[in-house]
Amino acid sequence: MQTTSLLNPVEAARFLALSPKTLARWRWAGKGPKYIKLGSAVRYSMDELAAFVGAGEVQS
């Protein structure tokens, strides 16, 4: 089993240069990076955040 760092929403928002409110709205709307629920706690995997950023890359 591979382990990866888990970030809370504030740390994930800082990594993505977004506000934590934006991530909360995206979770509610069913979009944005995949996240993990541990009880009531929300966590983001660094691997999933990197994949989310990579999926947004465009070449003109």
PDB file of N, CA and C in Angstrom:
ATOM      1  N   MET A   1       0.842  -1.191   0.000  1.00  0.00           N
ATOM      2  CA  MET A   1       0.000   0.000   0.000  1.00  0.00           C
ATOM      3  C   MET A   1       0.879   1.242   0.000  1.00  0.00           C
ATOM      4  N   GLN A   2       0.584   2.149  -0.909  1.00  0.00           N
ATOM      5  CA  GLN A   2       1.351   3.385  -1.011  1.00  0.00           C
ATOM      6  C   GLN A   2       0.729   4.442  -0.104  1.00  0.00           C
ATOM      7  N   THR A   3       1.572   5.168   0.617  1.00  0.00           N
ATOM      8  CA  THR A   3       1.057   6.227   1.482  1.00  0.00           C
ATOM      9  C   THR A   3       1.357   7.578   0.857  1.00  0.00           C
ATOM     10  N   THR A   4       0.510   8.523   1.134  1.00  0.00           N
ATOM     11  CA  THR A   4       0.682   9.870   0.630  1.00  0.00           C
ATOM     12  C   THR A   4       0.270  10.844   1.729  1.00  0.00           C
ATOM     13  N   SER A   5       0.749  12.053   1.646  1.00  0.00           N
ATOM     14  CA  SER A   5       0.400  13.063   2.639  1.00  0.00           C
ATOM     15  C   SER A   5      -1.047  13.489   2.465  1.00  0.00           C
ATOM     16  N   LEU A   6      -1.719  13.689   3.574  1.00  0.00           N
ATOM     17  CA  LEU A   6      -3.089  14.189   3.557  1.00  0.00           C
ATOM     18  C   LEU A   6      -3.091  15.606   4.098  1.00  0.00           C
ATOM     19  N   LEU A   7      -3.797  16.478   3.395  1.00  0.00           N
ATOM     20  CA  LEU A   7      -3.886  17.878   3.783  1.00  0.00           C
ATOM     21  C   LEU A   7      -5.311  18.205   4.194  1.00  0.00           C
ATOM     22  N   ASN A   8      -5.454  19.093   5.177  1.00  0.00           N
ATOM     23  CA  ASN A   8      -6.793  19.572   5.523  1.00  0.00           C
ATOM     24  C   ASN A   8      -7.197  20.615   4.482  1.00  0.00           C
ATOM     25  N   PRO A   9      -8.453  21.054   4.481  1.00  0.00           N
ATOM     26  CA  PRO A   9      -8.904  21.986   3.445  1.00  0.00           C
ATOM     27  C   PRO A   9      -8.119  23.307   3.379  1.00  0.00           C
ATOM     28  N   VAL A  10      -7.674  23.824   4.511  1.00  0.00           N
ATOM     29  CA  VAL A  10      -6.910  25.071   4.504  1.00  0.00           C
ATOM     30  C   VAL A  10      -5.558  24.851   3.817  1.00  0.00           C
ATOM     31  N   GLU A  11      -4.896  23.746   4.141  1.00  0.00           N
ATOM     32  CA  GLU A  11      -3.605  23.440   3.521  1.00  0.00           C
ATOM     33  C   GLU A  11      -3.763  23.160   2.025  1.00  0.00           C
ATOM     34  N   ALA A  12      -4.822  22.429   1.661  1.00  0.00           N
ATOM     35  CA  ALA A  12      -5.074  22.131   0.248  1.00  0.00           C
ATOM     36  C   ALA A  12      -5.370  23.407  -0.526  1.00  0.00           C
ATOM     37  N   ALA A  13      -6.146  24.300   0.063  1.00  0.00           N
ATOM     38  CA  ALA A  13      -6.453  25.570  -0.597  1.00  0.00           C
ATOM     39  C   ALA A  13      -5.177  26.387  -0.798  1.00  0.00           C
ATOM     40  N   ARG A  14      -4.307  26.393   0.187  1.00  0.00           N
ATOM     41  CA  ARG A  14      -3.039  27.117   0.066  1.00  0.00           C
ATOM     42  C   ARG A  14      -2.206  26.517  -1.063  1.00  0.00           C
ATOM     43  N   PHE A  15      -2.162  25.194  -1.159  1.00  0.00           N
ATOM     44  CA  PHE A  15      -1.420  24.514  -2.228  1.00  0.00           C
ATOM     45  C   PHE A  15      -1.951  24.911  -3.599  1.00  0.00           C
ATOM     46  N   LEU A  16      -3.281  25.023  -3.731  1.00  0.00           N
ATOM     47  CA  LEU A  16      -3.913  25.351  -5.010  1.00  0.00           C
ATOM     48  C   LEU A  16      -4.029  26.857  -5.243  1.00  0.00           C
ATOM     49  N   ALA A  17      -3.618  27.663  -4.287  1.00  0.00           N
ATOM     50  CA  ALA A  17      -3.743  29.122  -4.351  1.00  0.00           C
ATOM     51  C   ALA A  17      -5.207  29.535  -4.504  1.00  0.00           C
ATOM     52  N   LEU A  18      -6.067  28.891  -3.724  1.00  0.00           N
ATOM     53  CA  LEU A  18      -7.501  29.184  -3.689  1.00  0.00           C
ATOM     54  C   LEU A  18      -7.909  29.458  -2.252  1.00  0.00           C
ATOM     55  N   SER A  19      -9.142  29.880  -2.069  1.00  0.00           N
ATOM     56  CA  SER A  19      -9.634  30.047  -0.706  1.00  0.00           C
ATOM     57  C   SER A  19     -10.277  28.737  -0.243  1.00  0.00           C
ATOM     58  N   PRO A  20     -10.249  28.478   1.066  1.00  0.00           N
ATOM     59  CA  PRO A  20     -10.931  27.288   1.582  1.00  0.00           C
ATOM     60  C   PRO A  20     -12.425  27.273   1.240  1.00  0.00           C
ATOM     61  N   LYS A  21     -13.040  28.451   1.136  1.00  0.00           N
ATOM     62  CA  LYS A  21     -14.456  28.532   0.765  1.00  0.00           C
ATOM     63  C   LYS A  21     -14.695  28.006  -0.644  1.00  0.00           C
ATOM     64  N   THR A  22     -13.745  28.261  -1.538  1.00  0.00           N
ATOM     65  CA  THR A  22     -13.877  27.746  -2.904  1.00  0.00           C
ATOM     66  C   THR A  22     -13.881  26.225  -2.888  1.00  0.00           C
ATOM     67  N   LEU A  23     -12.969  25.616  -2.140  1.00  0.00           N
ATOM     68  CA  LEU A  23     -12.961  24.153  -2.043  1.00  0.00           C
ATOM     69  C   LEU A  23     -14.262  23.633  -1.434  1.00  0.00           C
ATOM     70  N   ALA A  24     -14.782  24.321  -0.428  1.00  0.00           N
ATOM     71  CA  ALA A  24     -16.041  23.904   0.186  1.00  0.00           C
ATOM     72  C   ALA A  24     -17.192  23.970  -0.816  1.00  0.00           C
ATOM     73  N   ARG A  25     -17.236  25.029  -1.618  1.00  0.00           N
ATOM     74  CA  ARG A  25     -18.287  25.146  -2.644  1.00  0.00           C
ATOM     75  C   ARG A  25     -18.141  24.047  -3.687  1.00  0.00           C
ATOM     76  N   TRP A  26     -16.902  23.764  -4.089  1.00  0.00           N
ATOM     77  CA  TRP A  26     -16.674  22.701  -5.062  1.00  0.00           C
ATOM     78  C   TRP A  26     -17.108  21.349  -4.521  1.00  0.00           C
ATOM     79  N   ARG A  27     -16.829  21.070  -3.230  1.00  0.00           N
ATOM     80  CA  ARG A  27     -17.284  19.802  -2.631  1.00  0.00           C
ATOM     81  C   ARG A  27     -18.802  19.720  -2.675  1.00  0.00           C
ATOM     82  N   TRP A  28     -19.463  20.817  -2.313  1.00  0.00           N
ATOM     83  CA  TRP A  28     -20.922  20.847  -2.302  1.00  0.00           C
ATOM     84  C   TRP A  28     -21.475  20.632  -3.708  1.00  0.00           C
ATOM     85  N   ALA A  29     -20.821  21.202  -4.713  1.00  0.00           N
ATOM     86  CA  ALA A  29     -21.284  21.112  -6.101  1.00  0.00           C
ATOM     87  C   ALA A  29     -20.846  19.812  -6.777  1.00  0.00           C
ATOM     88  N   GLY A  30     -20.007  19.035  -6.117  1.00  0.00           N
ATOM     89  CA  GLY A  30     -19.561  17.777  -6.706  1.00  0.00           C
ATOM     90  C   GLY A  30     -18.477  17.939  -7.757  1.00  0.00           C
ATOM     91  N   LYS A  31     -17.692  19.016  -7.663  1.00  0.00           N
ATOM     92  CA  LYS A  31     -16.589  19.198  -8.604  1.00  0.00           C
ATOM     93  C   LYS A  31     -15.326  19.489  -7.804  1.00  0.00           C
ATOM     94  N   GLY A  32     -14.237  19.723  -8.509  1.00  0.00           N
ATOM     95  CA  GLY A  32     -12.975  19.981  -7.833  1.00  0.00           C
ATOM     96  C   GLY A  32     -12.200  18.697  -7.605  1.00  0.00           C
ATOM     97  N   PRO A  33     -11.116  18.779  -6.823  1.00  0.00           N
ATOM     98  CA  PRO A  33     -10.288  17.595  -6.590  1.00  0.00           C
ATOM     99  C   PRO A  33     -11.005  16.572  -5.706  1.00  0.00           C
ATOM    100  N   LYS A  34     -10.660  15.296  -5.900  1.00  0.00           N
ATOM    101  CA  LYS A  34     -11.213  14.246  -5.045  1.00  0.00           C
ATOM    102  C   LYS A  34     -10.751  14.473  -3.620  1.00  0.00           C
ATOM    103  N   TYR A  35     -11.603  14.102  -2.668  1.00  0.00           N
ATOM    104  CA  TYR A  35     -11.263  14.268  -1.260  1.00  0.00           C
ATOM    105  C   TYR A  35     -11.671  13.024  -0.483  1.00  0.00           C
ATOM    106  N   ILE A  36     -11.201  12.956   0.741  1.00  0.00           N
ATOM    107  CA  ILE A  36     -11.443  11.811   1.610  1.00  0.00           C
ATOM    108  C   ILE A  36     -12.196  12.301   2.833  1.00  0.00           C
ATOM    109  N   LYS A  37     -13.230  11.568   3.230  1.00  0.00           N
ATOM    110  CA  LYS A  37     -13.958  11.878   4.460  1.00  0.00           C
ATOM    111  C   LYS A  37     -13.530  10.886   5.533  1.00  0.00           C
ATOM    112  N   LEU A  38     -13.026  11.386   6.648  1.00  0.00           N
ATOM    113  CA  LEU A  38     -12.671  10.582   7.808  1.00  0.00           C
ATOM    114  C   LEU A  38     -13.567  11.052   8.945  1.00  0.00           C
ATOM    115  N   GLY A  39     -14.705  10.386   9.089  1.00  0.00           N
ATOM    116  CA  GLY A  39     -15.706  10.891  10.019  1.00  0.00           C
ATOM    117  C   GLY A  39     -16.246  12.190   9.451  1.00  0.00           C
ATOM    118  N   SER A  40     -16.117  13.263  10.216  1.00  0.00           N
ATOM    119  CA  SER A  40     -16.561  14.571   9.707  1.00  0.00           C
ATOM    120  C   SER A  40     -15.405  15.371   9.116  1.00  0.00           C
ATOM    121  N   ALA A  41     -14.190  14.837   9.209  1.00  0.00           N
ATOM    122  CA  ALA A  41     -13.013  15.547   8.706  1.00  0.00           C
ATOM    123  C   ALA A  41     -12.842  15.330   7.205  1.00  0.00           C
ATOM    124  N   VAL A  42     -12.492  16.391   6.506  1.00  0.00           N
ATOM    125  CA  VAL A  42     -12.216  16.336   5.070  1.00  0.00           C
ATOM    126  C   VAL A  42     -10.705  16.427   4.889  1.00  0.00           C
ATOM    127  N   ARG A  43     -10.160  15.535   4.074  1.00  0.00           N
ATOM    128  CA  ARG A  43      -8.731  15.546   3.779  1.00  0.00           C
ATOM    129  C   ARG A  43      -8.516  15.385   2.288  1.00  0.00           C
ATOM    130  N   TYR A  44      -7.444  15.980   1.798  1.00  0.00           N
ATOM    131  CA  TYR A  44      -7.070  15.904   0.391  1.00  0.00           C
ATOM    132  C   TYR A  44      -5.718  15.213   0.285  1.00  0.00           C
ATOM    133  N   SER A  45      -5.614  14.290  -0.645  1.00  0.00           N
ATOM    134  CA  SER A  45      -4.360  13.610  -0.923  1.00  0.00           C
ATOM    135  C   SER A  45      -3.501  14.500  -1.817  1.00  0.00           C
ATOM    136  N   MET A  46      -2.212  14.584  -1.524  1.00  0.00           N
ATOM    137  CA  MET A  46      -1.295  15.360  -2.374  1.00  0.00           C
ATOM    138  C   MET A  46      -1.299  14.808  -3.795  1.00  0.00           C
ATOM    139  N   ASP A  47      -1.397  13.483  -3.935  1.00  0.00           N
ATOM    140  CA  ASP A  47      -1.434  12.874  -5.265  1.00  0.00           C
ATOM    141  C   ASP A  47      -2.655  13.336  -6.049  1.00  0.00           C
ATOM    142  N   GLU A  48      -3.814  13.390  -5.394  1.00  0.00           N
ATOM    143  CA  GLU A  48      -5.048  13.823  -6.065  1.00  0.00           C
ATOM    144  C   GLU A  48      -4.990  15.303  -6.410  1.00  0.00           C
ATOM    145  N   LEU A  49      -4.409  16.121  -5.538  1.00  0.00           N
ATOM    146  CA  LEU A  49      -4.285  17.550  -5.837  1.00  0.00           C
ATOM    147  C   LEU A  49      -3.373  17.763  -7.038  1.00  0.00           C
ATOM    148  N   ALA A  50      -2.264  17.018  -7.089  1.00  0.00           N
ATOM    149  CA  ALA A  50      -1.352  17.141  -8.222  1.00  0.00           C
ATOM    150  C   ALA A  50      -2.035  16.685  -9.513  1.00  0.00           C
ATOM    151  N   ALA A  51      -2.828  15.608  -9.440  1.00  0.00           N
ATOM    152  CA  ALA A  51      -3.553  15.128 -10.615  1.00  0.00           C
ATOM    153  C   ALA A  51      -4.594  16.152 -11.072  1.00  0.00           C
ATOM    154  N   PHE A  52      -5.260  16.791 -10.125  1.00  0.00           N
ATOM    155  CA  PHE A  52      -6.250  17.816 -10.439  1.00  0.00           C
ATOM    156  C   PHE A  52      -5.596  18.988 -11.164  1.00  0.00           C
ATOM    157  N   VAL A  53      -4.449  19.417 -10.678  1.00  0.00           N
ATOM    158  CA  VAL A  53      -3.718  20.520 -11.312  1.00  0.00           C
ATOM    159  C   VAL A  53      -3.282  20.080 -12.722  1.00  0.00           C
ATOM    160  N   GLY A  54      -2.755  18.869 -12.837  1.00  0.00           N
ATOM    161  CA  GLY A  54      -2.302  18.377 -14.130  1.00  0.00           C
ATOM    162  C   GLY A  54      -3.414  18.280 -15.146  1.00  0.00           C
ATOM    163  N   ALA A  55      -4.623  17.934 -14.682  1.00  0.00           N
ATOM    164  CA  ALA A  55      -5.766  17.796 -15.593  1.00  0.00           C
ATOM    165  C   ALA A  55      -6.196  19.161 -16.138  1.00  0.00           C
ATOM    166  N   GLY A  56      -5.808  20.228 -15.458  1.00  0.00           N
ATOM    167  CA  GLY A  56      -6.196  21.558 -15.909  1.00  0.00           C
ATOM    168  C   GLY A  56      -5.208  22.187 -16.879  1.00  0.00           C
ATOM    169  N   GLU A  57      -4.121  21.472 -17.168  1.00  0.00           N
ATOM    170  CA  GLU A  57      -3.124  22.030 -18.081  1.00  0.00           C
ATOM    171  C   GLU A  57      -3.664  22.087 -19.497  1.00  0.00           C
ATOM    172  N   VAL A  58      -3.416  23.207 -20.151  1.00  0.00           N
ATOM    173  CA  VAL A  58      -3.808  23.367 -21.555  1.00  0.00           C
ATOM    174  C   VAL A  58      -2.616  23.912 -22.338  1.00  0.00           C
ATOM    175  N   GLN A  59      -2.595  23.582 -23.597  1.00  0.00           N
ATOM    176  CA  GLN A  59      -1.555  24.091 -24.486  1.00  0.00           C
ATOM    177  C   GLN A  59      -2.232  24.829 -25.623  1.00  0.00           C
ATOM    178  N   SER A  60      -1.835  26.065 -25.845  1.00  0.00           N
ATOM    179  CA  SER A  60      -2.468  26.832 -26.913  1.00  0.00           C
ATOM    180  C   SER A  60      -1.757  26.644 -28.229  1.00  0.00           C
TER     181      SER A  60
END
